[in-house]
């Protein structure tokens, strides 16, 4: 009997389980990060943010809000094994990855330009001590390196998740194709004999018998 092989990731885990974990993390993580981002956006007077940082924070908040919403669609699709929902989730999560990379690159760009210089100057203050200036710059370089590393790490994780979701969509397409073939009527092979259609052409005409022919019955009257 034909069946569709369950695709795996990490050698042994089914991709459906991977999509379930990814949608669950996306739903919970996206909600938490988006809530924190919108909170800081609403209390920007209490947080020392530059205009560029504020724009980046708003874009990130929108992106993670969208991640939470599309993860909900993906979670429903996993439970229902609905290819349409999972396919929609796959498309949107690829789009989210692109937006996430774009906003991350923009934020990293600001770290190497005006924003970074302002942070170092705020750390140094009015001090003219060379040691303090070098310490502030070194601390900022370390923090900048950690930030870049975290961005790249999360990009790779999300990229891996996108590949897993796309693999699960392909599995669902194969399962739907198999179900369609099972429901389709059996095809007749070229060499198989087809039973003749029942017709009345071969039946004997009732008045073709000699005893029923015209004129024969009149002798009995």
C-alpha atoms as a PDB file:
ATOM      1  CA  UNK A   1       0.000   0.000   0.000  1.00  0.00           C
ATOM      2  CA  UNK A   2       1.405   3.399  -0.990  1.00  0.00           C
ATOM      3  CA  UNK A   3       2.160   5.948   1.699  1.00  0.00           C
ATOM      4  CA  UNK A   4       4.055   9.217   2.087  1.00  0.00           C
ATOM      5  CA  UNK A   5       7.301   9.030   4.017  1.00  0.00           C
ATOM      6  CA  UNK A   6       7.401  11.445   6.951  1.00  0.00           C
ATOM      7  CA  UNK A   7      10.208  13.903   6.419  1.00  0.00           C
ATOM      8  CA  UNK A   8      12.682  14.461   9.226  1.00  0.00           C
ATOM      9  CA  UNK A   9      15.005  17.117  10.609  1.00  0.00           C
ATOM     10  CA  UNK A  10      17.826  16.655  13.126  1.00  0.00           C
ATOM     11  CA  UNK A  11      18.067  13.095  11.752  1.00  0.00           C
ATOM     12  CA  UNK A  12      15.006  11.672  13.521  1.00  0.00           C
ATOM     13  CA  UNK A  13      12.419  14.339  14.387  1.00  0.00           C
ATOM     14  CA  UNK A  14       9.407  14.717  12.057  1.00  0.00           C
ATOM     15  CA  UNK A  15       9.072  18.077  10.339  1.00  0.00           C
ATOM     16  CA  UNK A  16       5.501  18.391  11.637  1.00  0.00           C
ATOM     17  CA  UNK A  17       6.875  18.458  15.182  1.00  0.00           C
ATOM     18  CA  UNK A  18       9.451  21.039  14.114  1.00  0.00           C
ATOM     19  CA  UNK A  19       6.761  23.294  12.647  1.00  0.00           C
ATOM     20  CA  UNK A  20       4.696  22.888  15.829  1.00  0.00           C
ATOM     21  CA  UNK A  21       7.635  23.966  18.015  1.00  0.00           C
ATOM     22  CA  UNK A  22       8.455  26.845  15.681  1.00  0.00           C
ATOM     23  CA  UNK A  23       4.890  28.161  15.628  1.00  0.00           C
ATOM     24  CA  UNK A  24       4.624  27.852  19.405  1.00  0.00           C
ATOM     25  CA  UNK A  25       7.886  29.733  19.953  1.00  0.00           C
ATOM     26  CA  UNK A  26       6.880  32.311  17.345  1.00  0.00           C
ATOM     27  CA  UNK A  27       3.505  32.844  18.995  1.00  0.00           C
ATOM     28  CA  UNK A  28       4.833  33.168  22.545  1.00  0.00           C
ATOM     29  CA  UNK A  29       8.134  34.861  21.730  1.00  0.00           C
ATOM     30  CA  UNK A  30       6.605  37.226  19.194  1.00  0.00           C
ATOM     31  CA  UNK A  31       3.914  38.254  21.684  1.00  0.00           C
ATOM     32  CA  UNK A  32       6.431  38.913  24.467  1.00  0.00           C
ATOM     33  CA  UNK A  33       8.921  40.820  22.288  1.00  0.00           C
ATOM     34  CA  UNK A  34       6.155  42.826  20.593  1.00  0.00           C
ATOM     35  CA  UNK A  35       4.586  43.709  23.959  1.00  0.00           C
ATOM     36  CA  UNK A  36       7.948  44.870  25.292  1.00  0.00           C
ATOM     37  CA  UNK A  37       8.603  46.876  22.135  1.00  0.00           C
ATOM     38  CA  UNK A  38       5.221  48.604  22.195  1.00  0.00           C
ATOM     39  CA  UNK A  39       5.639  49.309  25.918  1.00  0.00           C
ATOM     40  CA  UNK A  40       8.970  51.065  25.349  1.00  0.00           C
ATOM     41  CA  UNK A  41       7.515  52.882  22.350  1.00  0.00           C
ATOM     42  CA  UNK A  42       4.674  54.197  24.481  1.00  0.00           C
ATOM     43  CA  UNK A  43       7.103  55.241  27.245  1.00  0.00           C
ATOM     44  CA  UNK A  44       9.825  56.621  24.986  1.00  0.00           C
ATOM     45  CA  UNK A  45      10.177  59.692  27.212  1.00  0.00           C
ATOM     46  CA  UNK A  46      11.445  57.441  30.012  1.00  0.00           C
ATOM     47  CA  UNK A  47      13.907  55.677  27.709  1.00  0.00           C
ATOM     48  CA  UNK A  48      16.860  57.477  26.200  1.00  0.00           C
ATOM     49  CA  UNK A  49      16.321  56.702  22.501  1.00  0.00           C
ATOM     50  CA  UNK A  50      17.514  58.536  19.449  1.00  0.00           C
ATOM     51  CA  UNK A  51      15.178  59.094  16.506  1.00  0.00           C
ATOM     52  CA  UNK A  52      16.799  56.271  14.535  1.00  0.00           C
ATOM     53  CA  UNK A  53      16.517  53.874  17.466  1.00  0.00           C
ATOM     54  CA  UNK A  54      12.868  54.808  17.924  1.00  0.00           C
ATOM     55  CA  UNK A  55      12.124  54.075  14.252  1.00  0.00           C
ATOM     56  CA  UNK A  56      13.967  50.766  14.479  1.00  0.00           C
ATOM     57  CA  UNK A  57      12.034  49.860  17.642  1.00  0.00           C
ATOM     58  CA  UNK A  58       8.670  50.594  15.999  1.00  0.00           C
ATOM     59  CA  UNK A  59       9.518  48.523  12.915  1.00  0.00           C
ATOM     60  CA  UNK A  60      10.708  45.626  15.109  1.00  0.00           C
ATOM     61  CA  UNK A  61       7.518  45.823  17.197  1.00  0.00           C
ATOM     62  CA  UNK A  62       5.380  45.636  14.053  1.00  0.00           C
ATOM     63  CA  UNK A  63       7.438  42.732  12.713  1.00  0.00           C
ATOM     64  CA  UNK A  64       7.133  40.683  15.924  1.00  0.00           C
ATOM     65  CA  UNK A  65       3.423  41.453  16.191  1.00  0.00           C
ATOM     66  CA  UNK A  66       3.035  40.073  12.676  1.00  0.00           C
ATOM     67  CA  UNK A  67       5.138  37.045  13.672  1.00  0.00           C
ATOM     68  CA  UNK A  68       2.761  36.253  16.539  1.00  0.00           C
ATOM     69  CA  UNK A  69      -0.272  36.498  14.241  1.00  0.00           C
ATOM     70  CA  UNK A  70       1.136  34.368  11.426  1.00  0.00           C
ATOM     71  CA  UNK A  71       2.417  31.815  13.965  1.00  0.00           C
ATOM     72  CA  UNK A  72      -1.179  31.399  15.113  1.00  0.00           C
ATOM     73  CA  UNK A  73      -2.182  30.490  11.547  1.00  0.00           C
ATOM     74  CA  UNK A  74       0.704  28.034  11.376  1.00  0.00           C
ATOM     75  CA  UNK A  75      -0.280  26.434  14.680  1.00  0.00           C
ATOM     76  CA  UNK A  76      -3.850  25.917  13.463  1.00  0.00           C
ATOM     77  CA  UNK A  77      -2.518  24.445  10.222  1.00  0.00           C
ATOM     78  CA  UNK A  78      -0.284  21.978  12.068  1.00  0.00           C
ATOM     79  CA  UNK A  79      -3.124  20.682  14.243  1.00  0.00           C
ATOM     80  CA  UNK A  80      -5.569  20.445  11.314  1.00  0.00           C
ATOM     81  CA  UNK A  81      -2.903  19.283   8.805  1.00  0.00           C
ATOM     82  CA  UNK A  82      -4.267  22.021   6.541  1.00  0.00           C
ATOM     83  CA  UNK A  83      -1.893  22.644   3.668  1.00  0.00           C
ATOM     84  CA  UNK A  84      -3.404  26.067   2.907  1.00  0.00           C
ATOM     85  CA  UNK A  85      -2.754  27.422   6.399  1.00  0.00           C
ATOM     86  CA  UNK A  86       0.734  25.916   6.602  1.00  0.00           C
ATOM     87  CA  UNK A  87       1.589  27.202   3.120  1.00  0.00           C
ATOM     88  CA  UNK A  88       0.403  30.685   4.085  1.00  0.00           C
ATOM     89  CA  UNK A  89       2.486  30.486   7.249  1.00  0.00           C
ATOM     90  CA  UNK A  90       5.524  29.404   5.219  1.00  0.00           C
ATOM     91  CA  UNK A  91       5.189  32.353   2.827  1.00  0.00           C
ATOM     92  CA  UNK A  92       4.678  34.894   5.599  1.00  0.00           C
ATOM     93  CA  UNK A  93       7.509  33.581   7.764  1.00  0.00           C
ATOM     94  CA  UNK A  94       9.883  33.938   4.790  1.00  0.00           C
ATOM     95  CA  UNK A  95       8.680  37.533   4.420  1.00  0.00           C
ATOM     96  CA  UNK A  96       9.197  38.078   8.153  1.00  0.00           C
ATOM     97  CA  UNK A  97      12.744  36.785   7.872  1.00  0.00           C
ATOM     98  CA  UNK A  98      13.436  39.325   5.129  1.00  0.00           C
ATOM     99  CA  UNK A  99      11.995  42.188   7.200  1.00  0.00           C
ATOM    100  CA  UNK A 100      13.864  40.984  10.285  1.00  0.00           C
ATOM    101  CA  UNK A 101      17.172  40.927   8.411  1.00  0.00           C
ATOM    102  CA  UNK A 102      16.517  44.388   6.924  1.00  0.00           C
ATOM    103  CA  UNK A 103      15.729  45.972  10.294  1.00  0.00           C
ATOM    104  CA  UNK A 104      18.666  44.197  11.927  1.00  0.00           C
ATOM    105  CA  UNK A 105      21.081  45.396   9.270  1.00  0.00           C
ATOM    106  CA  UNK A 106      19.781  48.935   9.708  1.00  0.00           C
ATOM    107  CA  UNK A 107      20.223  48.748  13.482  1.00  0.00           C
ATOM    108  CA  UNK A 108      23.754  47.341  13.115  1.00  0.00           C
ATOM    109  CA  UNK A 109      24.510  50.153  10.673  1.00  0.00           C
ATOM    110  CA  UNK A 110      23.500  52.711  13.299  1.00  0.00           C
ATOM    111  CA  UNK A 111      25.832  51.042  15.815  1.00  0.00           C
ATOM    112  CA  UNK A 112      28.823  51.798  13.578  1.00  0.00           C
ATOM    113  CA  UNK A 113      27.822  55.385  12.879  1.00  0.00           C
ATOM    114  CA  UNK A 114      26.224  58.269  14.732  1.00  0.00           C
ATOM    115  CA  UNK A 115      24.445  56.204  17.393  1.00  0.00           C
ATOM    116  CA  UNK A 116      27.623  54.376  18.314  1.00  0.00           C
ATOM    117  CA  UNK A 117      29.595  57.588  18.611  1.00  0.00           C
ATOM    118  CA  UNK A 118      26.894  59.110  20.808  1.00  0.00           C
ATOM    119  CA  UNK A 119      26.918  56.111  23.165  1.00  0.00           C
ATOM    120  CA  UNK A 120      30.687  56.312  23.546  1.00  0.00           C
ATOM    121  CA  UNK A 121      30.518  60.055  24.163  1.00  0.00           C
ATOM    122  CA  UNK A 122      27.793  59.569  26.784  1.00  0.00           C
ATOM    123  CA  UNK A 123      29.993  57.015  28.529  1.00  0.00           C
ATOM    124  CA  UNK A 124      33.054  59.263  28.511  1.00  0.00           C
ATOM    125  CA  UNK A 125      31.167  62.404  29.450  1.00  0.00           C
ATOM    126  CA  UNK A 126      33.380  65.366  30.134  1.00  0.00           C
ATOM    127  CA  UNK A 127      36.292  63.216  31.263  1.00  0.00           C
ATOM    128  CA  UNK A 128      39.629  63.703  29.559  1.00  0.00           C
ATOM    129  CA  UNK A 129      41.115  60.538  31.044  1.00  0.00           C
ATOM    130  CA  UNK A 130      42.582  58.439  28.229  1.00  0.00           C
ATOM    131  CA  UNK A 131      42.044  55.216  30.172  1.00  0.00           C
ATOM    132  CA  UNK A 132      38.329  55.924  30.642  1.00  0.00           C
ATOM    133  CA  UNK A 133      37.937  56.811  26.981  1.00  0.00           C
ATOM    134  CA  UNK A 134      39.613  53.565  25.908  1.00  0.00           C
ATOM    135  CA  UNK A 135      37.548  51.567  28.418  1.00  0.00           C
ATOM    136  CA  UNK A 136      34.269  53.054  27.138  1.00  0.00           C
ATOM    137  CA  UNK A 137      35.239  52.363  23.548  1.00  0.00           C
ATOM    138  CA  UNK A 138      36.311  48.798  24.341  1.00  0.00           C
ATOM    139  CA  UNK A 139      33.108  48.116  26.275  1.00  0.00           C
ATOM    140  CA  UNK A 140      31.027  49.452  23.405  1.00  0.00           C
ATOM    141  CA  UNK A 141      32.957  47.321  20.883  1.00  0.00           C
ATOM    142  CA  UNK A 142      32.294  44.211  22.976  1.00  0.00           C
ATOM    143  CA  UNK A 143      28.592  45.050  23.287  1.00  0.00           C
ATOM    144  CA  UNK A 144      28.392  45.745  19.584  1.00  0.00           C
ATOM    145  CA  UNK A 145      30.029  42.409  18.779  1.00  0.00           C
ATOM    146  CA  UNK A 146      27.604  40.545  21.075  1.00  0.00           C
ATOM    147  CA  UNK A 147      24.655  42.325  19.453  1.00  0.00           C
ATOM    148  CA  UNK A 148      25.797  41.387  15.957  1.00  0.00           C
ATOM    149  CA  UNK A 149      26.370  37.784  17.046  1.00  0.00           C
ATOM    150  CA  UNK A 150      22.865  37.541  18.514  1.00  0.00           C
ATOM    151  CA  UNK A 151      21.298  38.977  15.374  1.00  0.00           C
ATOM    152  CA  UNK A 152      23.132  36.490  13.140  1.00  0.00           C
ATOM    153  CA  UNK A 153      22.271  33.592  15.474  1.00  0.00           C
ATOM    154  CA  UNK A 154      18.546  34.372  15.418  1.00  0.00           C
ATOM    155  CA  UNK A 155      18.613  34.902  11.648  1.00  0.00           C
ATOM    156  CA  UNK A 156      20.122  31.443  11.156  1.00  0.00           C
ATOM    157  CA  UNK A 157      17.585  29.859  13.533  1.00  0.00           C
ATOM    158  CA  UNK A 158      14.693  31.497  11.689  1.00  0.00           C
ATOM    159  CA  UNK A 159      16.163  30.498   8.322  1.00  0.00           C
ATOM    160  CA  UNK A 160      16.400  26.894   9.524  1.00  0.00           C
ATOM    161  CA  UNK A 161      12.789  27.079  10.666  1.00  0.00           C
ATOM    162  CA  UNK A 162      11.704  28.418   7.269  1.00  0.00           C
ATOM    163  CA  UNK A 163      13.363  25.453   5.571  1.00  0.00           C
ATOM    164  CA  UNK A 164      11.602  23.018   7.941  1.00  0.00           C
ATOM    165  CA  UNK A 165       8.210  24.627   7.233  1.00  0.00           C
ATOM    166  CA  UNK A 166       8.797  24.492   3.472  1.00  0.00           C
ATOM    167  CA  UNK A 167       9.691  20.802   3.819  1.00  0.00           C
ATOM    168  CA  UNK A 168       6.455  20.138   5.713  1.00  0.00           C
ATOM    169  CA  UNK A 169       4.427  21.938   3.018  1.00  0.00           C
ATOM    170  CA  UNK A 170       5.971  19.605   0.427  1.00  0.00           C
ATOM    171  CA  UNK A 171       5.028  16.596   2.573  1.00  0.00           C
ATOM    172  CA  UNK A 172       1.409  17.793   2.832  1.00  0.00           C
ATOM    173  CA  UNK A 173       1.292  18.262  -0.949  1.00  0.00           C
ATOM    174  CA  UNK A 174       2.454  14.666  -1.439  1.00  0.00           C
ATOM    175  CA  UNK A 175      -0.160  13.402   1.028  1.00  0.00           C
ATOM    176  CA  UNK A 176      -2.928  15.314  -0.774  1.00  0.00           C
ATOM    177  CA  UNK A 177      -1.763  13.936  -4.131  1.00  0.00           C
ATOM    178  CA  UNK A 178      -1.821  10.398  -2.726  1.00  0.00           C
ATOM    179  CA  UNK A 179      -5.339  10.875  -1.322  1.00  0.00           C
ATOM    180  CA  UNK A 180      -6.475  12.180  -4.703  1.00  0.00           C
ATOM    181  CA  UNK A 181      -5.096   9.109  -6.471  1.00  0.00           C
ATOM    182  CA  UNK A 182      -6.868   6.835  -4.001  1.00  0.00           C
ATOM    183  CA  UNK A 183     -10.212   8.533  -4.631  1.00  0.00           C
ATOM    184  CA  UNK A 184      -9.814   8.607  -8.419  1.00  0.00           C
ATOM    185  CA  UNK A 185     -11.537   5.812 -10.445  1.00  0.00           C
ATOM    186  CA  UNK A 186      -9.219   3.000 -11.554  1.00  0.00           C
ATOM    187  CA  UNK A 187      -7.758   3.477 -14.995  1.00  0.00           C
ATOM    188  CA  UNK A 188      -8.127   0.748 -17.644  1.00  0.00           C
ATOM    189  CA  UNK A 189      -4.832  -0.572 -18.949  1.00  0.00           C
ATOM    190  CA  UNK A 190      -4.333  -0.577 -22.745  1.00  0.00           C
ATOM    191  CA  UNK A 191      -4.262  -4.391 -23.010  1.00  0.00           C
ATOM    192  CA  UNK A 192      -7.241  -5.063 -20.785  1.00  0.00           C
ATOM    193  CA  UNK A 193     -10.475  -6.313 -22.371  1.00  0.00           C
ATOM    194  CA  UNK A 194     -13.522  -4.123 -21.916  1.00  0.00           C
ATOM    195  CA  UNK A 195     -16.807  -5.954 -21.269  1.00  0.00           C
ATOM    196  CA  UNK A 196     -19.367  -5.387 -24.041  1.00  0.00           C
ATOM    197  CA  UNK A 197     -22.132  -2.912 -23.463  1.00  0.00           C
ATOM    198  CA  UNK A 198     -25.528  -4.441 -23.027  1.00  0.00           C
ATOM    199  CA  UNK A 199     -27.838  -3.555 -25.960  1.00  0.00           C
ATOM    200  CA  UNK A 200     -31.049  -4.824 -27.520  1.00  0.00           C
ATOM    201  CA  UNK A 201     -29.570  -5.183 -30.959  1.00  0.00           C
ATOM    202  CA  UNK A 202     -28.779  -8.854 -30.458  1.00  0.00           C
ATOM    203  CA  UNK A 203     -32.179  -9.773 -29.017  1.00  0.00           C
ATOM    204  CA  UNK A 204     -34.513 -11.865 -31.164  1.00  0.00           C
ATOM    205  CA  UNK A 205     -37.459 -10.013 -32.661  1.00  0.00           C
ATOM    206  CA  UNK A 206     -40.661 -11.465 -31.208  1.00  0.00           C
ATOM    207  CA  UNK A 207     -42.469 -11.779 -34.575  1.00  0.00           C
ATOM    208  CA  UNK A 208     -39.477 -13.272 -36.377  1.00  0.00           C
ATOM    209  CA  UNK A 209     -40.440 -16.754 -35.130  1.00  0.00           C
ATOM    210  CA  UNK A 210     -42.368 -18.738 -37.738  1.00  0.00           C
ATOM    211  CA  UNK A 211     -45.328 -19.385 -35.501  1.00  0.00           C
ATOM    212  CA  UNK A 212     -45.738 -15.666 -34.821  1.00  0.00           C
ATOM    213  CA  UNK A 213     -45.223 -14.445 -38.353  1.00  0.00           C
ATOM    214  CA  UNK A 214     -48.002 -12.727 -40.269  1.00  0.00           C
ATOM    215  CA  UNK A 215     -50.608 -15.075 -41.643  1.00  0.00           C
ATOM    216  CA  UNK A 216     -49.528 -18.103 -39.643  1.00  0.00           C
ATOM    217  CA  UNK A 217     -51.798 -17.519 -36.707  1.00  0.00           C
ATOM    218  CA  UNK A 218     -54.869 -17.106 -38.902  1.00  0.00           C
ATOM    219  CA  UNK A 219     -55.115 -20.853 -39.434  1.00  0.00           C
ATOM    220  CA  UNK A 220     -56.032 -21.318 -35.820  1.00  0.00           C
ATOM    221  CA  UNK A 221     -59.101 -19.163 -36.065  1.00  0.00           C
END
